[in-house]
Amino acid sequence: MTRMWCINCQAEREHRPVYGGENFHCSTCAMNTLAYIQPRIGETQEEMIKQMVGEAQRTAQSTGRTGNIEVSRTIANASGEYQTQILVYNTYTRQHHYHFSKS
């Protein structure tokens, strides 16, 4: 069992990965909204965005902050250049926007 974060329920969930493939459906809400709690090497763009949304939600819960919560990550792209990935999550609308810039 793996601890994951459901960005729909905004709570940690126990999750059993399906052998031979990834299944990111929450056992509580049945939505495809599970995200890893920690960033992972080799994650897809979709997985990274979900993980960053979850990080913003956990920050809001632990600090009591509301409104826009910014999460950033600096990674190396395929050509070795560093990029800063920025996600801004709004606690009121539950919407996010995402962009990156070259460092």
PDB file of N, CA and C in Angstrom:
ATOM      1  N   MET A   1       0.846  -1.180   0.000  1.00  0.00           N
ATOM      2  CA  MET A   1       0.000   0.000   0.000  1.00  0.00           C
ATOM      3  C   MET A   1       0.890   1.243   0.000  1.00  0.00           C
ATOM      4  N   THR A   2       0.454   2.215  -0.741  1.00  0.00           N
ATOM      5  CA  THR A   2       1.161   3.475  -0.874  1.00  0.00           C
ATOM      6  C   THR A   2       0.255   4.589  -0.382  1.00  0.00           C
ATOM      7  N   ARG A   3       0.832   5.538   0.343  1.00  0.00           N
ATOM      8  CA  ARG A   3       0.056   6.713   0.743  1.00  0.00           C
ATOM      9  C   ARG A   3       0.092   7.694  -0.416  1.00  0.00           C
ATOM     10  N   MET A   4      -1.092   8.114  -0.868  1.00  0.00           N
ATOM     11  CA  MET A   4      -1.205   9.082  -1.952  1.00  0.00           C
ATOM     12  C   MET A   4      -2.167  10.174  -1.509  1.00  0.00           C
ATOM     13  N   TRP A   5      -2.259  11.230  -2.305  1.00  0.00           N
ATOM     14  CA  TRP A   5      -3.122  12.361  -2.007  1.00  0.00           C
ATOM     15  C   TRP A   5      -4.216  12.427  -3.057  1.00  0.00           C
ATOM     16  N   CYS A   6      -5.470  12.515  -2.638  1.00  0.00           N
ATOM     17  CA  CYS A   6      -6.566  12.688  -3.581  1.00  0.00           C
ATOM     18  C   CYS A   6      -6.834  14.188  -3.699  1.00  0.00           C
ATOM     19  N   ILE A   7      -6.639  14.739  -4.895  1.00  0.00           N
ATOM     20  CA  ILE A   7      -6.840  16.178  -5.071  1.00  0.00           C
ATOM     21  C   ILE A   7      -8.315  16.536  -5.145  1.00  0.00           C
ATOM     22  N   ASN A   8      -9.187  15.549  -5.293  1.00  0.00           N
ATOM     23  CA  ASN A   8     -10.627  15.804  -5.245  1.00  0.00           C
ATOM     24  C   ASN A   8     -11.112  15.824  -3.793  1.00  0.00           C
ATOM     25  N   CYS A   9     -10.764  14.801  -3.014  1.00  0.00           N
ATOM     26  CA  CYS A   9     -11.172  14.709  -1.605  1.00  0.00           C
ATOM     27  C   CYS A   9     -10.329  15.612  -0.704  1.00  0.00           C
ATOM     28  N   GLN A  10      -9.146  16.001  -1.172  1.00  0.00           N
ATOM     29  CA  GLN A  10      -8.166  16.776  -0.413  1.00  0.00           C
ATOM     30  C   GLN A  10      -7.801  16.057   0.884  1.00  0.00           C
ATOM     31  N   ALA A  11      -7.427  14.777   0.710  1.00  0.00           N
ATOM     32  CA  ALA A  11      -7.063  13.945   1.853  1.00  0.00           C
ATOM     33  C   ALA A  11      -6.115  12.835   1.403  1.00  0.00           C
ATOM     34  N   GLU A  12      -5.329  12.313   2.364  1.00  0.00           N
ATOM     35  CA  GLU A  12      -4.457  11.182   2.080  1.00  0.00           C
ATOM     36  C   GLU A  12      -5.286   9.921   1.966  1.00  0.00           C
ATOM     37  N   ARG A  13      -4.871   9.047   1.071  1.00  0.00           N
ATOM     38  CA  ARG A  13      -5.558   7.782   0.851  1.00  0.00           C
ATOM     39  C   ARG A  13      -4.528   6.662   0.755  1.00  0.00           C
ATOM     40  N   GLU A  14      -4.892   5.494   1.240  1.00  0.00           N
ATOM     41  CA  GLU A  14      -4.096   4.289   1.000  1.00  0.00           C
ATOM     42  C   GLU A  14      -4.415   3.835  -0.411  1.00  0.00           C
ATOM     43  N   HIS A  15      -3.396   3.435  -1.143  1.00  0.00           N
ATOM     44  CA  HIS A  15      -3.613   3.044  -2.529  1.00  0.00           C
ATOM     45  C   HIS A  15      -2.761   1.832  -2.865  1.00  0.00           C
ATOM     46  N   ARG A  16      -3.361   0.891  -3.546  1.00  0.00           N
ATOM     47  CA  ARG A  16      -2.636  -0.292  -4.006  1.00  0.00           C
ATOM     48  C   ARG A  16      -2.493  -0.178  -5.523  1.00  0.00           C
ATOM     49  N   PRO A  17      -1.263   0.098  -6.010  1.00  0.00           N
ATOM     50  CA  PRO A  17      -1.064   0.211  -7.462  1.00  0.00           C
ATOM     51  C   PRO A  17      -1.419  -1.105  -8.168  1.00  0.00           C
ATOM     52  N   VAL A  18      -1.955  -0.993  -9.354  1.00  0.00           N
ATOM     53  CA  VAL A  18      -2.326  -2.155 -10.149  1.00  0.00           C
ATOM     54  C   VAL A  18      -1.081  -2.668 -10.853  1.00  0.00           C
ATOM     55  N   TYR A  19      -0.828  -3.972 -10.774  1.00  0.00           N
ATOM     56  CA  TYR A  19       0.348  -4.557 -11.416  1.00  0.00           C
ATOM     57  C   TYR A  19       0.308  -4.339 -12.918  1.00  0.00           C
ATOM     58  N   GLY A  20       1.423  -3.892 -13.482  1.00  0.00           N
ATOM     59  CA  GLY A  20       1.535  -3.721 -14.922  1.00  0.00           C
ATOM     60  C   GLY A  20       0.972  -2.413 -15.440  1.00  0.00           C
ATOM     61  N   GLY A  21       0.558  -1.540 -14.570  1.00  0.00           N
ATOM     62  CA  GLY A  21       0.022  -0.258 -15.018  1.00  0.00           C
ATOM     63  C   GLY A  21      -0.319   0.613 -13.829  1.00  0.00           C
ATOM     64  N   GLU A  22      -0.502   1.859 -14.082  1.00  0.00           N
ATOM     65  CA  GLU A  22      -0.843   2.793 -13.019  1.00  0.00           C
ATOM     66  C   GLU A  22      -2.351   2.991 -12.982  1.00  0.00           C
ATOM     67  N   ASN A  23      -2.892   2.988 -11.801  1.00  0.00           N
ATOM     68  CA  ASN A  23      -4.302   3.260 -11.595  1.00  0.00           C
ATOM     69  C   ASN A  23      -4.386   4.332 -10.526  1.00  0.00           C
ATOM     70  N   PHE A  24      -4.789   5.531 -10.900  1.00  0.00           N
ATOM     71  CA  PHE A  24      -4.804   6.642  -9.969  1.00  0.00           C
ATOM     72  C   PHE A  24      -6.216   7.021  -9.548  1.00  0.00           C
ATOM     73  N   HIS A  25      -7.105   6.014  -9.435  1.00  0.00           N
ATOM     74  CA  HIS A  25      -8.478   6.263  -9.002  1.00  0.00           C
ATOM     75  C   HIS A  25      -8.555   6.168  -7.480  1.00  0.00           C
ATOM     76  N   CYS A  26      -9.178   7.142  -6.877  1.00  0.00           N
ATOM     77  CA  CYS A  26      -9.362   7.191  -5.433  1.00  0.00           C
ATOM     78  C   CYS A  26     -10.394   6.143  -5.020  1.00  0.00           C
ATOM     79  N   SER A  27     -10.125   5.430  -3.936  1.00  0.00           N
ATOM     80  CA  SER A  27     -11.064   4.411  -3.463  1.00  0.00           C
ATOM     81  C   SER A  27     -12.291   5.034  -2.805  1.00  0.00           C
ATOM     82  N   THR A  28     -12.237   6.311  -2.453  1.00  0.00           N
ATOM     83  CA  THR A  28     -13.369   6.982  -1.814  1.00  0.00           C
ATOM     84  C   THR A  28     -14.286   7.658  -2.830  1.00  0.00           C
ATOM     85  N   CYS A  29     -13.713   8.496  -3.709  1.00  0.00           N
ATOM     86  CA  CYS A  29     -14.547   9.248  -4.656  1.00  0.00           C
ATOM     87  C   CYS A  29     -14.573   8.622  -6.054  1.00  0.00           C
ATOM     88  N   ALA A  30     -13.726   7.630  -6.304  1.00  0.00           N
ATOM     89  CA  ALA A  30     -13.635   6.913  -7.578  1.00  0.00           C
ATOM     90  C   ALA A  30     -13.166   7.779  -8.750  1.00  0.00           C
ATOM     91  N   MET A  31     -12.643   8.957  -8.456  1.00  0.00           N
ATOM     92  CA  MET A  31     -12.134   9.840  -9.510  1.00  0.00           C
ATOM     93  C   MET A  31     -10.652   9.518  -9.775  1.00  0.00           C
ATOM     94  N   ASN A  32     -10.174   9.856 -10.949  1.00  0.00           N
ATOM     95  CA  ASN A  32      -8.773   9.667 -11.324  1.00  0.00           C
ATOM     96  C   ASN A  32      -7.968  10.868 -10.806  1.00  0.00           C
ATOM     97  N   THR A  33      -7.913  11.007  -9.487  1.00  0.00           N
ATOM     98  CA  THR A  33      -7.351  12.219  -8.891  1.00  0.00           C
ATOM     99  C   THR A  33      -6.269  11.941  -7.857  1.00  0.00           C
ATOM    100  N   LEU A  34      -5.702  10.745  -7.838  1.00  0.00           N
ATOM    101  CA  LEU A  34      -4.636  10.459  -6.888  1.00  0.00           C
ATOM    102  C   LEU A  34      -3.309  11.005  -7.383  1.00  0.00           C
ATOM    103  N   ALA A  35      -2.545  11.542  -6.452  1.00  0.00           N
ATOM    104  CA  ALA A  35      -1.231  12.100  -6.763  1.00  0.00           C
ATOM    105  C   ALA A  35      -0.233  11.608  -5.734  1.00  0.00           C
ATOM    106  N   TYR A  36       1.008  11.457  -6.153  1.00  0.00           N
ATOM    107  CA  TYR A  36       2.058  11.111  -5.204  1.00  0.00           C
ATOM    108  C   TYR A  36       2.279  12.289  -4.258  1.00  0.00           C
ATOM    109  N   ILE A  37       2.594  11.988  -3.026  1.00  0.00           N
ATOM    110  CA  ILE A  37       2.815  13.042  -2.037  1.00  0.00           C
ATOM    111  C   ILE A  37       4.155  13.731  -2.286  1.00  0.00           C
ATOM    112  N   GLN A  38       5.160  12.967  -2.663  1.00  0.00           N
ATOM    113  CA  GLN A  38       6.485  13.517  -2.971  1.00  0.00           C
ATOM    114  C   GLN A  38       6.722  13.468  -4.475  1.00  0.00           C
ATOM    115  N   PRO A  39       7.452  14.446  -5.034  1.00  0.00           N
ATOM    116  CA  PRO A  39       7.798  14.389  -6.463  1.00  0.00           C
ATOM    117  C   PRO A  39       8.597  13.116  -6.766  1.00  0.00           C
ATOM    118  N   ARG A  40       8.439  12.606  -7.970  1.00  0.00           N
ATOM    119  CA  ARG A  40       9.146  11.397  -8.385  1.00  0.00           C
ATOM    120  C   ARG A  40       9.954  11.665  -9.639  1.00  0.00           C
ATOM    121  N   ILE A  41      11.073  11.015  -9.750  1.00  0.00           N
ATOM    122  CA  ILE A  41      11.884  11.090 -10.968  1.00  0.00           C
ATOM    123  C   ILE A  41      11.133  10.372 -12.076  1.00  0.00           C
ATOM    124  N   GLY A  42      11.079  10.977 -13.248  1.00  0.00           N
ATOM    125  CA  GLY A  42      10.448  10.359 -14.404  1.00  0.00           C
ATOM    126  C   GLY A  42       8.939  10.467 -14.442  1.00  0.00           C
ATOM    127  N   GLU A  43       8.362  11.303 -13.584  1.00  0.00           N
ATOM    128  CA  GLU A  43       6.904  11.442 -13.608  1.00  0.00           C
ATOM    129  C   GLU A  43       6.467  12.166 -14.872  1.00  0.00           C
ATOM    130  N   THR A  44       5.255  11.872 -15.312  1.00  0.00           N
ATOM    131  CA  THR A  44       4.714  12.526 -16.494  1.00  0.00           C
ATOM    132  C   THR A  44       4.301  13.955 -16.133  1.00  0.00           C
ATOM    133  N   GLN A  45       4.018  14.744 -17.148  1.00  0.00           N
ATOM    134  CA  GLN A  45       3.555  16.120 -16.930  1.00  0.00           C
ATOM    135  C   GLN A  45       2.271  16.122 -16.095  1.00  0.00           C
ATOM    136  N   GLU A  46       1.346  15.218 -16.424  1.00  0.00           N
ATOM    137  CA  GLU A  46       0.081  15.129 -15.686  1.00  0.00           C
ATOM    138  C   GLU A  46       0.325  14.762 -14.218  1.00  0.00           C
ATOM    139  N   GLU A  47       1.211  13.790 -13.972  1.00  0.00           N
ATOM    140  CA  GLU A  47       1.530  13.395 -12.601  1.00  0.00           C
ATOM    141  C   GLU A  47       2.165  14.550 -11.833  1.00  0.00           C
ATOM    142  N   MET A  48       3.049  15.294 -12.505  1.00  0.00           N
ATOM    143  CA  MET A  48       3.713  16.421 -11.852  1.00  0.00           C
ATOM    144  C   MET A  48       2.706  17.507 -11.472  1.00  0.00           C
ATOM    145  N   ILE A  49       1.786  17.816 -12.366  1.00  0.00           N
ATOM    146  CA  ILE A  49       0.777  18.838 -12.066  1.00  0.00           C
ATOM    147  C   ILE A  49      -0.102  18.384 -10.902  1.00  0.00           C
ATOM    148  N   LYS A  50      -0.552  17.132 -10.920  1.00  0.00           N
ATOM    149  CA  LYS A  50      -1.358  16.612  -9.809  1.00  0.00           C
ATOM    150  C   LYS A  50      -0.574  16.693  -8.501  1.00  0.00           C
ATOM    151  N   GLN A  51       0.704  16.315  -8.530  1.00  0.00           N
ATOM    152  CA  GLN A  51       1.517  16.339  -7.322  1.00  0.00           C
ATOM    153  C   GLN A  51       1.641  17.771  -6.800  1.00  0.00           C
ATOM    154  N   MET A  52       1.823  18.734  -7.693  1.00  0.00           N
ATOM    155  CA  MET A  52       1.961  20.133  -7.285  1.00  0.00           C
ATOM    156  C   MET A  52       0.644  20.691  -6.746  1.00  0.00           C
ATOM    157  N   VAL A  53      -0.490  20.302  -7.340  1.00  0.00           N
ATOM    158  CA  VAL A  53      -1.799  20.712  -6.818  1.00  0.00           C
ATOM    159  C   VAL A  53      -1.967  20.160  -5.407  1.00  0.00           C
ATOM    160  N   GLY A  54      -1.631  18.883  -5.226  1.00  0.00           N
ATOM    161  CA  GLY A  54      -1.715  18.272  -3.899  1.00  0.00           C
ATOM    162  C   GLY A  54      -0.831  18.975  -2.886  1.00  0.00           C
ATOM    163  N   GLU A  55       0.371  19.345  -3.308  1.00  0.00           N
ATOM    164  CA  GLU A  55       1.284  20.074  -2.422  1.00  0.00           C
ATOM    165  C   GLU A  55       0.682  21.417  -2.006  1.00  0.00           C
ATOM    166  N   ALA A  56       0.068  22.115  -2.950  1.00  0.00           N
ATOM    167  CA  ALA A  56      -0.579  23.394  -2.637  1.00  0.00           C
ATOM    168  C   ALA A  56      -1.746  23.184  -1.662  1.00  0.00           C
ATOM    169  N   GLN A  57      -2.531  22.133  -1.881  1.00  0.00           N
ATOM    170  CA  GLN A  57      -3.654  21.843  -0.980  1.00  0.00           C
ATOM    171  C   GLN A  57      -3.166  21.517   0.429  1.00  0.00           C
ATOM    172  N   ARG A  58      -2.099  20.726   0.537  1.00  0.00           N
ATOM    173  CA  ARG A  58      -1.560  20.390   1.858  1.00  0.00           C
ATOM    174  C   ARG A  58      -0.987  21.625   2.541  1.00  0.00           C
ATOM    175  N   THR A  59      -0.352  22.522   1.769  1.00  0.00           N
ATOM    176  CA  THR A  59       0.158  23.775   2.326  1.00  0.00           C
ATOM    177  C   THR A  59      -0.992  24.606   2.877  1.00  0.00           C
ATOM    178  N   ALA A  60      -2.069  24.709   2.125  1.00  0.00           N
ATOM    179  CA  ALA A  60      -3.242  25.471   2.575  1.00  0.00           C
ATOM    180  C   ALA A  60      -3.803  24.875   3.865  1.00  0.00           C
ATOM    181  N   GLN A  61      -3.908  23.554   3.924  1.00  0.00           N
ATOM    182  CA  GLN A  61      -4.456  22.903   5.117  1.00  0.00           C
ATOM    183  C   GLN A  61      -3.554  23.089   6.334  1.00  0.00           C
ATOM    184  N   SER A  62      -2.256  22.942   6.138  1.00  0.00           N
ATOM    185  CA  SER A  62      -1.347  23.005   7.288  1.00  0.00           C
ATOM    186  C   SER A  62      -1.097  24.422   7.783  1.00  0.00           C
ATOM    187  N   THR A  63      -1.218  25.417   6.905  1.00  0.00           N
ATOM    188  CA  THR A  63      -0.928  26.796   7.301  1.00  0.00           C
ATOM    189  C   THR A  63      -2.176  27.642   7.507  1.00  0.00           C
ATOM    190  N   GLY A  64      -3.309  27.180   6.983  1.00  0.00           N
ATOM    191  CA  GLY A  64      -4.540  27.965   7.063  1.00  0.00           C
ATOM    192  C   GLY A  64      -4.615  29.069   6.021  1.00  0.00           C
ATOM    193  N   ARG A  65      -3.642  29.101   5.098  1.00  0.00           N
ATOM    194  CA  ARG A  65      -3.659  30.117   4.034  1.00  0.00           C
ATOM    195  C   ARG A  65      -4.798  29.854   3.069  1.00  0.00           C
ATOM    196  N   THR A  66      -5.340  30.916   2.511  1.00  0.00           N
ATOM    197  CA  THR A  66      -6.384  30.813   1.500  1.00  0.00           C
ATOM    198  C   THR A  66      -6.017  31.692   0.314  1.00  0.00           C
ATOM    199  N   GLY A  67      -6.753  31.535  -0.765  1.00  0.00           N
ATOM    200  CA  GLY A  67      -6.463  32.306  -1.970  1.00  0.00           C
ATOM    201  C   GLY A  67      -5.462  31.574  -2.832  1.00  0.00           C
ATOM    202  N   ASN A  68      -4.556  32.309  -3.461  1.00  0.00           N
ATOM    203  CA  ASN A  68      -3.564  31.710  -4.353  1.00  0.00           C
ATOM    204  C   ASN A  68      -2.388  31.145  -3.558  1.00  0.00           C
ATOM    205  N   ILE A  69      -2.093  29.885  -3.798  1.00  0.00           N
ATOM    206  CA  ILE A  69      -0.944  29.201  -3.204  1.00  0.00           C
ATOM    207  C   ILE A  69      -0.025  28.822  -4.355  1.00  0.00           C
ATOM    208  N   GLU A  70       1.221  29.277  -4.309  1.00  0.00           N
ATOM    209  CA  GLU A  70       2.180  29.000  -5.383  1.00  0.00           C
ATOM    210  C   GLU A  70       3.120  27.873  -4.980  1.00  0.00           C
ATOM    211  N   VAL A  71       3.324  26.954  -5.912  1.00  0.00           N
ATOM    212  CA  VAL A  71       4.269  25.855  -5.741  1.00  0.00           C
ATOM    213  C   VAL A  71       5.210  25.902  -6.937  1.00  0.00           C
ATOM    214  N   SER A  72       6.503  25.804  -6.680  1.00  0.00           N
ATOM    215  CA  SER A  72       7.451  25.815  -7.798  1.00  0.00           C
ATOM    216  C   SER A  72       8.433  24.667  -7.652  1.00  0.00           C
ATOM    217  N   ARG A  73       8.986  24.283  -8.790  1.00  0.00           N
ATOM    218  CA  ARG A  73       9.970  23.216  -8.837  1.00  0.00           C
ATOM    219  C   ARG A  73      10.933  23.503  -9.973  1.00  0.00           C
ATOM    220  N   THR A  74      12.211  23.330  -9.749  1.00  0.00           N
ATOM    221  CA  THR A  74      13.210  23.510 -10.793  1.00  0.00           C
ATOM    222  C   THR A  74      13.711  22.141 -11.214  1.00  0.00           C
ATOM    223  N   ILE A  75      13.625  21.871 -12.514  1.00  0.00           N
ATOM    224  CA  ILE A  75      14.041  20.577 -13.050  1.00  0.00           C
ATOM    225  C   ILE A  75      14.898  20.798 -14.297  1.00  0.00           C
ATOM    226  N   ALA A  76      15.658  19.783 -14.665  1.00  0.00           N
ATOM    227  CA  ALA A  76      16.438  19.828 -15.903  1.00  0.00           C
ATOM    228  C   ALA A  76      15.600  19.210 -17.012  1.00  0.00           C
ATOM    229  N   ASN A  77      15.570  19.881 -18.179  1.00  0.00           N
ATOM    230  CA  ASN A  77      14.834  19.318 -19.311  1.00  0.00           C
ATOM    231  C   ASN A  77      15.739  18.354 -20.081  1.00  0.00           C
ATOM    232  N   ALA A  78      15.257  17.819 -21.183  1.00  0.00           N
ATOM    233  CA  ALA A  78      15.988  16.814 -21.953  1.00  0.00           C
ATOM    234  C   ALA A  78      17.335  17.314 -22.464  1.00  0.00           C
ATOM    235  N   SER A  79      17.457  18.614 -22.730  1.00  0.00           N
ATOM    236  CA  SER A  79      18.720  19.153 -23.242  1.00  0.00           C
ATOM    237  C   SER A  79      19.636  19.636 -22.114  1.00  0.00           C
ATOM    238  N   GLY A  80      19.265  19.388 -20.869  1.00  0.00           N
ATOM    239  CA  GLY A  80      20.119  19.747 -19.741  1.00  0.00           C
ATOM    240  C   GLY A  80      19.924  21.157 -19.212  1.00  0.00           C
ATOM    241  N   GLU A  81      19.011  21.910 -19.813  1.00  0.00           N
ATOM    242  CA  GLU A  81      18.728  23.256 -19.312  1.00  0.00           C
ATOM    243  C   GLU A  81      17.774  23.147 -18.136  1.00  0.00           C
ATOM    244  N   TYR A  82      17.933  24.053 -17.177  1.00  0.00           N
ATOM    245  CA  TYR A  82      17.032  24.054 -16.030  1.00  0.00           C
ATOM    246  C   TYR A  82      15.814  24.915 -16.316  1.00  0.00           C
ATOM    247  N   GLN A  83      14.662  24.426 -15.876  1.00  0.00           N
ATOM    248  CA  GLN A  83      13.407  25.156 -16.019  1.00  0.00           C
ATOM    249  C   GLN A  83      12.728  25.213 -14.657  1.00  0.00           C
ATOM    250  N   THR A  84      12.093  26.333 -14.386  1.00  0.00           N
ATOM    251  CA  THR A  84      11.309  26.459 -13.178  1.00  0.00           C
ATOM    252  C   THR A  84       9.848  26.244 -13.539  1.00  0.00           C
ATOM    253  N   GLN A  85       9.259  25.246 -12.933  1.00  0.00           N
ATOM    254  CA  GLN A  85       7.851  24.931 -13.139  1.00  0.00           C
ATOM    255  C   GLN A  85       7.077  25.628 -12.013  1.00  0.00           C
ATOM    256  N   ILE A  86       6.071  26.392 -12.349  1.00  0.00           N
ATOM    257  CA  ILE A  86       5.301  27.141 -11.352  1.00  0.00           C
ATOM    258  C   ILE A  86       3.823  26.799 -11.507  1.00  0.00           C
ATOM    259  N   LEU A  87       3.197  26.457 -10.395  1.00  0.00           N
ATOM    260  CA  LEU A  87       1.773  26.187 -10.374  1.00  0.00           C
ATOM    261  C   LEU A  87       1.155  27.080  -9.304  1.00  0.00           C
ATOM    262  N   VAL A  88       0.068  27.767  -9.664  1.00  0.00           N
ATOM    263  CA  VAL A  88      -0.665  28.598  -8.705  1.00  0.00           C
ATOM    264  C   VAL A  88      -2.045  27.975  -8.546  1.00  0.00           C
ATOM    265  N   TYR A  89      -2.369  27.601  -7.305  1.00  0.00           N
ATOM    266  CA  TYR A  89      -3.640  26.955  -6.978  1.00  0.00           C
ATOM    267  C   TYR A  89      -4.476  27.926  -6.155  1.00  0.00           C
ATOM    268  N   ASN A  90      -5.744  28.089  -6.528  1.00  0.00           N
ATOM    269  CA  ASN A  90      -6.635  28.975  -5.787  1.00  0.00           C
ATOM    270  C   ASN A  90      -7.547  28.132  -4.906  1.00  0.00           C
ATOM    271  N   THR A  91      -7.479  28.366  -3.594  1.00  0.00           N
ATOM    272  CA  THR A  91      -8.252  27.563  -2.652  1.00  0.00           C
ATOM    273  C   THR A  91      -9.749  27.820  -2.740  1.00  0.00           C
ATOM    274  N   TYR A  92     -10.150  28.982  -3.222  1.00  0.00           N
ATOM    275  CA  TYR A  92     -11.574  29.307  -3.326  1.00  0.00           C
ATOM    276  C   TYR A  92     -12.223  28.634  -4.528  1.00  0.00           C
ATOM    277  N   THR A  93     -11.557  28.702  -5.670  1.00  0.00           N
ATOM    278  CA  THR A  93     -12.134  28.151  -6.902  1.00  0.00           C
ATOM    279  C   THR A  93     -11.717  26.704  -7.155  1.00  0.00           C
ATOM    280  N   ARG A  94     -10.657  26.248  -6.471  1.00  0.00           N
ATOM    281  CA  ARG A  94     -10.061  24.925  -6.665  1.00  0.00           C
ATOM    282  C   ARG A  94      -9.506  24.771  -8.083  1.00  0.00           C
ATOM    283  N   GLN A  95      -9.198  25.893  -8.713  1.00  0.00           N
ATOM    284  CA  GLN A  95      -8.606  25.900 -10.056  1.00  0.00           C
ATOM    285  C   GLN A  95      -7.114  26.189  -9.925  1.00  0.00           C
ATOM    286  N   HIS A  96      -6.368  25.819 -10.957  1.00  0.00           N
ATOM    287  CA  HIS A  96      -4.933  26.108 -10.965  1.00  0.00           C
ATOM    288  C   HIS A  96      -4.506  26.547 -12.356  1.00  0.00           C
ATOM    289  N   HIS A  97      -3.389  27.252 -12.406  1.00  0.00           N
ATOM    290  CA  HIS A  97      -2.752  27.511 -13.691  1.00  0.00           C
ATOM    291  C   HIS A  97      -1.276  27.195 -13.526  1.00  0.00           C
ATOM    292  N   TYR A  98      -0.673  26.792 -14.616  1.00  0.00           N
ATOM    293  CA  TYR A  98       0.660  26.207 -14.598  1.00  0.00           C
ATOM    294  C   TYR A  98       1.466  26.804 -15.746  1.00  0.00           C
ATOM    295  N   HIS A  99       2.726  27.109 -15.477  1.00  0.00           N
ATOM    296  CA  HIS A  99       3.626  27.551 -16.541  1.00  0.00           C
ATOM    297  C   HIS A  99       5.063  27.254 -16.142  1.00  0.00           C
ATOM    298  N   PHE A 100       5.977  27.407 -17.093  1.00  0.00           N
ATOM    299  CA  PHE A 100       7.386  27.208 -16.790  1.00  0.00           C
ATOM    300  C   PHE A 100       8.207  28.277 -17.475  1.00  0.00           C
ATOM    301  N   SER A 101       9.392  28.483 -16.944  1.00  0.00           N
ATOM    302  CA  SER A 101      10.320  29.442 -17.548  1.00  0.00           C
ATOM    303  C   SER A 101      11.714  28.869 -17.505  1.00  0.00           C
ATOM    304  N   LYS A 102      12.532  29.265 -18.469  1.00  0.00           N
ATOM    305  CA  LYS A 102      13.927  28.823 -18.477  1.00  0.00           C
ATOM    306  C   LYS A 102      14.691  29.613 -17.431  1.00  0.00           C
ATOM    307  N   SER A 103      15.561  28.907 -16.736  1.00  0.00           N
ATOM    308  CA  SER A 103      16.380  29.555 -15.704  1.00  0.00           C
ATOM    309  C   SER A 103      17.700  30.006 -16.264  1.00  0.00           C
TER     310      SER A 103
END
